[in-house]
Amino acid sequence: RLGVLHVGQRIEEQADFEKIYKNAWADNANACAKQYAGTGALKTDYTRTGKRTQWGLIMDGWNSLIRYYKNNFSDGFRQDAIDLFLGNYSVDEIEPASPLHVKKDWKFLALPIIMVVAFSMCIICLLMAGDTWTETLAYVLFWGSASFGTFAIILYNGKDFVDAPKLVQKEK
């Protein structure tokens, strides 16, 4: 009806057009997902090719992990920006300080770094065995307990690590 195809032509017969259309659709999905979730869209390998690939599964898992991290620990500003843009933030003229400036303690940077380093050392000690099994076990237990301990502290103080939106919604 739009004149894209001639009379009698079928979309299934237009391989070049189908490839361009699927890639444009997947690129659009990536752009929308990056704005909303901070990562590319999921399952774009299927959108582009019509098949799930191993690499697509790995990338979807990676994007899901990044989305989880961003959504919980570094995405409050994104929701604040959306609320400001949409007019959902109510300005309180009495409050002199901005609610966006919240000073973070040193533990918000140090504890996650310590946990990642300790977990990495635990894995390295497992992969690169020492001279004896007792030496390897001692290193693994030390680094494993260090990573578990910092994880437990982060979990116990979980609400402090979450980057929640700081702006207040308007009353409706």
Protein backbone atom coordinates (compact mmCIF):
# COMPACT_ATOMS: atom_id res chain seq x y z
CA ARG A 1 0.00 0.00 0.00
CA LEU A 2 2.87 2.39 0.69
CA GLY A 3 4.59 1.61 -2.60
CA VAL A 4 7.69 0.10 -1.01
CA LEU A 5 7.19 -3.14 -2.98
CA HIS A 6 5.88 -3.63 -6.50
CA VAL A 7 2.65 -5.51 -7.08
CA GLY A 8 3.25 -9.23 -6.55
CA GLN A 9 6.48 -8.83 -4.59
CA ARG A 10 6.68 -10.39 -1.14
CA ILE A 11 8.70 -9.07 1.79
CA GLU A 12 10.21 -12.53 2.31
CA GLU A 13 11.81 -12.29 -1.14
CA GLN A 14 13.60 -9.02 -0.32
CA ALA A 15 16.64 -10.27 1.60
CA ASP A 16 18.55 -6.98 1.44
CA PHE A 17 15.58 -4.96 2.66
CA GLU A 18 14.87 -7.47 5.44
CA LYS A 19 18.49 -7.29 6.64
CA ILE A 20 18.50 -3.47 6.62
CA TYR A 21 15.12 -3.35 8.38
CA LYS A 22 16.12 -5.85 11.09
CA ASN A 23 19.40 -4.02 11.74
CA ALA A 24 17.63 -0.65 11.92
CA TRP A 25 15.07 -2.16 14.32
CA ALA A 26 17.82 -3.62 16.55
CA ASP A 27 19.81 -0.36 16.46
CA ASN A 28 16.69 1.54 17.52
CA ALA A 29 16.13 -0.95 20.35
CA ASN A 30 19.74 -0.42 21.49
CA ALA A 31 19.32 3.37 21.48
CA CYS A 32 16.07 3.21 23.49
CA ALA A 33 17.50 0.67 25.95
CA LYS A 34 20.66 2.74 26.51
CA GLN A 35 18.56 5.76 27.39
CA TYR A 36 16.25 3.85 29.70
CA ALA A 37 18.37 1.07 31.20
CA GLY A 38 21.95 2.20 30.55
CA THR A 39 22.90 -0.80 28.36
CA GLY A 40 22.08 -2.11 24.93
CA ALA A 41 18.89 -4.05 24.29
CA LEU A 42 18.62 -7.75 25.04
CA LYS A 43 18.16 -10.41 22.33
CA THR A 44 19.34 -8.20 19.47
CA ASP A 45 21.11 -11.21 17.99
CA TYR A 46 17.70 -12.80 17.48
CA THR A 47 16.26 -9.57 16.07
CA ARG A 48 19.12 -9.24 13.58
CA THR A 49 19.47 -12.88 12.46
CA GLY A 50 16.35 -14.74 13.61
CA LYS A 51 18.52 -17.11 15.69
CA ARG A 52 19.85 -17.13 19.24
CA THR A 53 23.63 -17.33 19.30
CA GLN A 54 26.03 -18.27 22.07
CA TRP A 55 27.62 -14.83 21.86
CA GLY A 56 24.15 -13.25 22.10
CA LEU A 57 23.45 -15.23 25.29
CA ILE A 58 26.75 -14.11 26.79
CA MET A 59 26.10 -10.47 25.88
CA ASP A 60 22.55 -10.66 27.30
CA GLY A 61 23.96 -12.03 30.56
CA TRP A 62 26.59 -9.28 30.65
CA ASN A 63 24.01 -6.57 29.90
CA SER A 64 21.71 -7.98 32.59
CA LEU A 65 24.51 -7.84 35.17
CA ILE A 66 25.36 -4.26 34.19
CA ARG A 67 21.66 -3.31 34.35
CA TYR A 68 21.34 -4.86 37.81
CA TYR A 69 24.37 -2.93 39.06
CA LYS A 70 23.31 0.35 37.50
CA ASN A 71 19.70 0.02 38.61
CA ASN A 72 20.64 -0.59 42.22
CA PHE A 73 23.88 1.29 42.80
CA SER A 74 24.32 4.13 40.32
CA ASP A 75 21.04 5.00 38.65
CA GLY A 76 19.23 7.27 41.08
CA PHE A 77 20.42 10.32 39.14
CA ARG A 78 18.80 8.94 35.98
CA GLN A 79 15.41 8.73 37.69
CA ASP A 80 15.93 12.21 39.14
CA ALA A 81 16.70 13.54 35.65
CA ILE A 82 13.58 11.88 34.24
CA ASP A 83 11.48 13.33 37.08
CA LEU A 84 12.91 16.81 36.44
CA PHE A 85 12.34 16.51 32.69
CA LEU A 86 8.75 15.29 33.08
CA GLY A 87 7.90 17.87 35.73
CA ASN A 88 7.33 15.29 38.46
CA TYR A 89 9.61 17.07 40.94
CA SER A 90 8.02 19.51 43.33
CA VAL A 91 10.29 22.36 44.37
CA ASP A 92 10.29 23.09 48.07
CA GLU A 93 11.26 26.76 48.37
CA ILE A 94 11.72 26.51 52.13
CA GLU A 95 14.55 23.98 51.91
CA PRO A 96 17.78 25.90 51.13
CA ALA A 97 20.02 22.93 50.29
CA SER A 98 19.61 20.79 47.20
CA PRO A 99 18.54 17.21 47.93
CA LEU A 100 20.84 16.03 45.15
CA HIS A 101 24.05 16.71 47.09
CA VAL A 102 24.45 13.84 49.55
CA LYS A 103 27.96 13.26 50.84
CA LYS A 104 29.00 9.59 50.66
CA ASP A 105 31.24 7.92 53.22
CA TRP A 106 34.54 6.23 52.25
CA LYS A 107 33.04 2.77 52.71
CA PHE A 108 30.87 3.16 49.60
CA LEU A 109 33.96 3.03 47.42
CA ALA A 110 36.39 1.02 49.57
CA LEU A 111 34.23 -1.99 50.51
CA PRO A 112 33.19 -2.97 46.98
CA ILE A 113 36.81 -2.65 45.81
CA ILE A 114 38.04 -4.79 48.73
CA MET A 115 35.37 -7.40 47.97
CA VAL A 116 36.29 -7.60 44.27
CA VAL A 117 40.02 -7.81 45.01
CA ALA A 118 39.52 -10.48 47.69
CA PHE A 119 37.25 -12.56 45.44
CA SER A 120 39.73 -12.22 42.56
CA MET A 121 42.58 -13.35 44.81
CA CYS A 122 40.50 -16.33 45.94
CA ILE A 123 39.96 -17.39 42.32
CA ILE A 124 43.64 -16.82 41.48
CA CYS A 125 44.69 -18.95 44.45
CA LEU A 126 42.37 -21.72 43.25
CA LEU A 127 43.76 -21.60 39.72
CA MET A 128 47.42 -21.25 40.68
CA ALA A 129 47.93 -23.90 43.30
CA GLY A 130 50.71 -23.46 45.84
CA ASP A 131 53.48 -25.93 46.66
CA THR A 132 51.23 -27.95 48.95
CA TRP A 133 47.48 -28.38 49.22
CA THR A 134 47.51 -26.93 52.74
CA GLU A 135 49.14 -23.74 51.51
CA THR A 136 46.56 -23.44 48.72
CA LEU A 137 43.73 -24.15 51.16
CA ALA A 138 45.03 -21.50 53.58
CA TYR A 139 45.15 -18.85 50.84
CA VAL A 140 41.73 -19.79 49.51
CA LEU A 141 40.21 -19.74 52.99
CA PHE A 142 41.81 -16.37 53.80
CA TRP A 143 40.74 -14.65 50.58
CA GLY A 144 37.37 -16.42 50.57
CA SER A 145 36.61 -15.28 54.11
CA ALA A 146 37.77 -11.74 53.26
CA SER A 147 35.46 -11.60 50.24
CA PHE A 148 32.57 -13.19 52.18
CA GLY A 149 33.12 -10.81 55.12
CA THR A 150 33.06 -7.68 52.98
CA PHE A 151 30.04 -9.04 51.11
CA ALA A 152 28.26 -9.58 54.43
CA ILE A 153 29.05 -6.01 55.53
CA ILE A 154 27.77 -4.63 52.22
CA LEU A 155 24.64 -6.79 52.48
CA TYR A 156 24.02 -5.71 56.08
CA ASN A 157 24.32 -2.04 55.09
CA GLY A 158 22.56 -2.64 51.75
CA LYS A 159 20.17 0.31 51.85
CA ASP A 160 23.11 2.68 52.32
CA PHE A 161 24.72 1.39 49.10
CA VAL A 162 21.58 1.75 46.96
CA ASP A 163 21.48 4.91 44.86
CA ALA A 164 17.80 5.77 45.23
CA PRO A 165 16.24 8.81 43.56
CA LYS A 166 16.45 11.86 45.83
CA LEU A 167 13.74 14.09 44.37
CA VAL A 168 10.18 14.10 45.72
CA GLN A 169 7.18 13.36 43.49
CA LYS A 170 4.43 15.96 43.18
CA GLU A 171 1.22 15.22 45.07
CA LYS A 172 -1.55 14.27 42.64
